[in-house]
Amino acid sequence: MHPGQSKSFMARGIYVTGTDTAVGKTAVAVAIVRGLVRAGKRVGVYQPVATGGGHDPDALWEAA
């Protein structure tokens, strides 16, 4: 945080990354999102790239 910057303007984020397809990135992200939602947090999700032909973006969207 820069001097004089209000905490209310700080962006927060969690990024889930991995080195290959089918290593569980989406499963981990869905678990994190569900936990945050249960805790009453407002959650937005974004998966910029989806490979492997599965329904990973759908699972993230439904969890949020």
N, C-alpha and C. Protein backbone atom coordinates (compact mmCIF):
# COMPACT_ATOMS: atom_id res chain seq x y z
N MET A 1 0.85 -1.17 0.00
CA MET A 1 0.00 0.00 0.00
C MET A 1 0.89 1.23 0.00
N HIS A 2 0.56 2.17 -0.85
CA HIS A 2 1.32 3.41 -0.93
C HIS A 2 0.89 4.37 0.17
N PRO A 3 1.81 5.24 0.61
CA PRO A 3 1.42 6.22 1.62
C PRO A 3 0.21 7.03 1.14
N GLY A 4 -0.76 7.18 2.01
CA GLY A 4 -1.96 7.95 1.68
C GLY A 4 -3.03 7.15 0.96
N GLN A 5 -2.75 5.93 0.58
CA GLN A 5 -3.73 5.11 -0.12
C GLN A 5 -4.66 4.45 0.89
N SER A 6 -5.92 4.51 0.63
CA SER A 6 -6.92 3.92 1.51
C SER A 6 -7.02 2.42 1.27
N LYS A 7 -7.22 1.66 2.33
CA LYS A 7 -7.38 0.21 2.19
C LYS A 7 -8.59 -0.15 1.34
N SER A 8 -9.61 0.70 1.33
CA SER A 8 -10.81 0.38 0.57
C SER A 8 -10.56 0.36 -0.93
N PHE A 9 -9.45 0.90 -1.38
CA PHE A 9 -9.15 0.92 -2.80
C PHE A 9 -8.16 -0.17 -3.22
N MET A 10 -7.73 -0.97 -2.28
CA MET A 10 -6.78 -2.03 -2.62
C MET A 10 -7.51 -3.22 -3.23
N ALA A 11 -7.03 -3.68 -4.34
CA ALA A 11 -7.60 -4.87 -4.98
C ALA A 11 -7.05 -6.10 -4.26
N ARG A 12 -7.90 -7.08 -4.07
CA ARG A 12 -7.47 -8.33 -3.46
C ARG A 12 -7.74 -9.45 -4.43
N GLY A 13 -6.90 -10.43 -4.42
CA GLY A 13 -7.11 -11.54 -5.32
C GLY A 13 -6.36 -12.78 -4.89
N ILE A 14 -6.85 -13.89 -5.34
CA ILE A 14 -6.18 -15.17 -5.14
C ILE A 14 -6.01 -15.76 -6.54
N TYR A 15 -4.82 -16.18 -6.84
CA TYR A 15 -4.54 -16.75 -8.16
C TYR A 15 -4.10 -18.19 -7.97
N VAL A 16 -4.75 -19.09 -8.68
CA VAL A 16 -4.39 -20.50 -8.63
C VAL A 16 -3.70 -20.84 -9.94
N THR A 17 -2.47 -21.30 -9.83
CA THR A 17 -1.69 -21.63 -11.03
C THR A 17 -1.15 -23.05 -10.93
N GLY A 18 -0.78 -23.61 -12.05
CA GLY A 18 -0.20 -24.94 -12.08
C GLY A 18 0.63 -25.10 -13.34
N THR A 19 1.39 -26.17 -13.38
CA THR A 19 2.34 -26.36 -14.47
C THR A 19 1.85 -27.24 -15.60
N ASP A 20 0.64 -27.77 -15.48
CA ASP A 20 0.16 -28.69 -16.51
C ASP A 20 -1.37 -28.73 -16.48
N THR A 21 -1.97 -29.38 -17.47
CA THR A 21 -3.41 -29.58 -17.44
C THR A 21 -3.72 -30.79 -16.56
N ALA A 22 -4.93 -30.83 -16.04
CA ALA A 22 -5.41 -31.96 -15.24
C ALA A 22 -4.60 -32.19 -13.97
N VAL A 23 -4.14 -31.09 -13.34
CA VAL A 23 -3.40 -31.23 -12.08
C VAL A 23 -4.21 -30.76 -10.88
N GLY A 24 -5.47 -30.32 -11.11
CA GLY A 24 -6.34 -29.97 -10.00
C GLY A 24 -6.50 -28.50 -9.71
N LYS A 25 -6.07 -27.64 -10.60
CA LYS A 25 -6.19 -26.19 -10.38
C LYS A 25 -7.64 -25.76 -10.18
N THR A 26 -8.51 -26.24 -11.02
CA THR A 26 -9.91 -25.85 -10.92
C THR A 26 -10.54 -26.43 -9.66
N ALA A 27 -10.22 -27.65 -9.30
CA ALA A 27 -10.77 -28.25 -8.07
C ALA A 27 -10.36 -27.43 -6.85
N VAL A 28 -9.12 -27.00 -6.81
CA VAL A 28 -8.65 -26.16 -5.70
C VAL A 28 -9.35 -24.81 -5.72
N ALA A 29 -9.47 -24.21 -6.90
CA ALA A 29 -10.13 -22.91 -7.01
C ALA A 29 -11.60 -23.01 -6.59
N VAL A 30 -12.28 -24.06 -6.99
CA VAL A 30 -13.69 -24.25 -6.61
C VAL A 30 -13.81 -24.39 -5.09
N ALA A 31 -12.91 -25.14 -4.46
CA ALA A 31 -12.94 -25.30 -3.00
C ALA A 31 -12.72 -23.96 -2.30
N ILE A 32 -11.79 -23.17 -2.80
CA ILE A 32 -11.54 -21.84 -2.22
C ILE A 32 -12.77 -20.96 -2.36
N VAL A 33 -13.35 -20.94 -3.56
CA VAL A 33 -14.52 -20.10 -3.83
C VAL A 33 -15.68 -20.52 -2.93
N ARG A 34 -15.94 -21.80 -2.83
CA ARG A 34 -17.05 -22.27 -1.99
C ARG A 34 -16.84 -21.88 -0.53
N GLY A 35 -15.61 -22.00 -0.05
CA GLY A 35 -15.32 -21.61 1.32
C GLY A 35 -15.54 -20.12 1.56
N LEU A 36 -15.11 -19.31 0.61
CA LEU A 36 -15.32 -17.86 0.74
C LEU A 36 -16.80 -17.50 0.70
N VAL A 37 -17.54 -18.14 -0.18
CA VAL A 37 -18.98 -17.89 -0.28
C VAL A 37 -19.66 -18.28 1.03
N ARG A 38 -19.31 -19.44 1.59
CA ARG A 38 -19.88 -19.87 2.87
C ARG A 38 -19.56 -18.88 3.99
N ALA A 39 -18.40 -18.24 3.88
CA ALA A 39 -17.99 -17.25 4.89
C ALA A 39 -18.66 -15.90 4.66
N GLY A 40 -19.50 -15.81 3.64
CA GLY A 40 -20.24 -14.58 3.38
C GLY A 40 -19.49 -13.56 2.54
N LYS A 41 -18.42 -13.97 1.91
CA LYS A 41 -17.63 -13.06 1.07
C LYS A 41 -18.24 -12.96 -0.32
N ARG A 42 -18.07 -11.81 -0.91
CA ARG A 42 -18.48 -11.60 -2.31
C ARG A 42 -17.34 -12.10 -3.19
N VAL A 43 -17.65 -12.98 -4.11
CA VAL A 43 -16.60 -13.63 -4.90
C VAL A 43 -16.88 -13.48 -6.38
N GLY A 44 -15.87 -13.17 -7.14
CA GLY A 44 -15.93 -13.16 -8.59
C GLY A 44 -14.85 -14.11 -9.10
N VAL A 45 -15.14 -14.79 -10.18
CA VAL A 45 -14.17 -15.74 -10.73
C VAL A 45 -13.88 -15.41 -12.19
N TYR A 46 -12.71 -15.80 -12.62
CA TYR A 46 -12.31 -15.57 -14.01
C TYR A 46 -11.31 -16.65 -14.40
N GLN A 47 -11.57 -17.32 -15.47
CA GLN A 47 -10.63 -18.30 -16.00
C GLN A 47 -10.33 -17.89 -17.43
N PRO A 48 -9.19 -17.20 -17.64
CA PRO A 48 -8.92 -16.63 -18.96
C PRO A 48 -8.65 -17.66 -20.05
N VAL A 49 -8.16 -18.83 -19.67
CA VAL A 49 -7.85 -19.87 -20.65
C VAL A 49 -8.36 -21.20 -20.11
N ALA A 50 -9.05 -21.95 -20.95
CA ALA A 50 -9.50 -23.28 -20.55
C ALA A 50 -9.09 -24.27 -21.63
N THR A 51 -8.24 -25.23 -21.25
CA THR A 51 -7.82 -26.27 -22.19
C THR A 51 -8.26 -27.61 -21.64
N GLY A 52 -8.15 -28.62 -22.41
CA GLY A 52 -8.46 -29.95 -21.93
C GLY A 52 -9.88 -30.40 -22.24
N GLY A 53 -10.73 -29.52 -22.73
CA GLY A 53 -12.05 -29.92 -23.17
C GLY A 53 -13.06 -30.19 -22.07
N GLY A 54 -12.74 -29.87 -20.83
CA GLY A 54 -13.69 -30.13 -19.74
C GLY A 54 -14.63 -28.96 -19.53
N HIS A 55 -15.32 -29.00 -18.42
CA HIS A 55 -16.28 -27.95 -18.06
C HIS A 55 -15.76 -27.13 -16.88
N ASP A 56 -14.47 -26.93 -16.80
CA ASP A 56 -13.87 -26.22 -15.68
C ASP A 56 -14.44 -24.82 -15.47
N PRO A 57 -14.57 -24.01 -16.51
CA PRO A 57 -15.14 -22.67 -16.27
C PRO A 57 -16.55 -22.74 -15.69
N ASP A 58 -17.34 -23.72 -16.10
CA ASP A 58 -18.69 -23.88 -15.57
C ASP A 58 -18.65 -24.17 -14.07
N ALA A 59 -17.73 -25.03 -13.65
CA ALA A 59 -17.63 -25.38 -12.23
C ALA A 59 -17.27 -24.16 -11.40
N LEU A 60 -16.37 -23.33 -11.88
CA LEU A 60 -16.01 -22.11 -11.16
C LEU A 60 -17.20 -21.16 -11.08
N TRP A 61 -17.86 -20.96 -12.19
CA TRP A 61 -19.02 -20.05 -12.23
C TRP A 61 -20.10 -20.50 -11.25
N GLU A 62 -20.40 -21.80 -11.24
CA GLU A 62 -21.43 -22.32 -10.36
C GLU A 62 -21.05 -22.21 -8.89
N ALA A 63 -19.76 -22.33 -8.58
CA ALA A 63 -19.31 -22.22 -7.19
C ALA A 63 -19.46 -20.80 -6.66
N ALA A 64 -19.29 -19.82 -7.54
CA ALA A 64 -19.38 -18.43 -7.12
C ALA A 64 -20.82 -18.03 -6.99
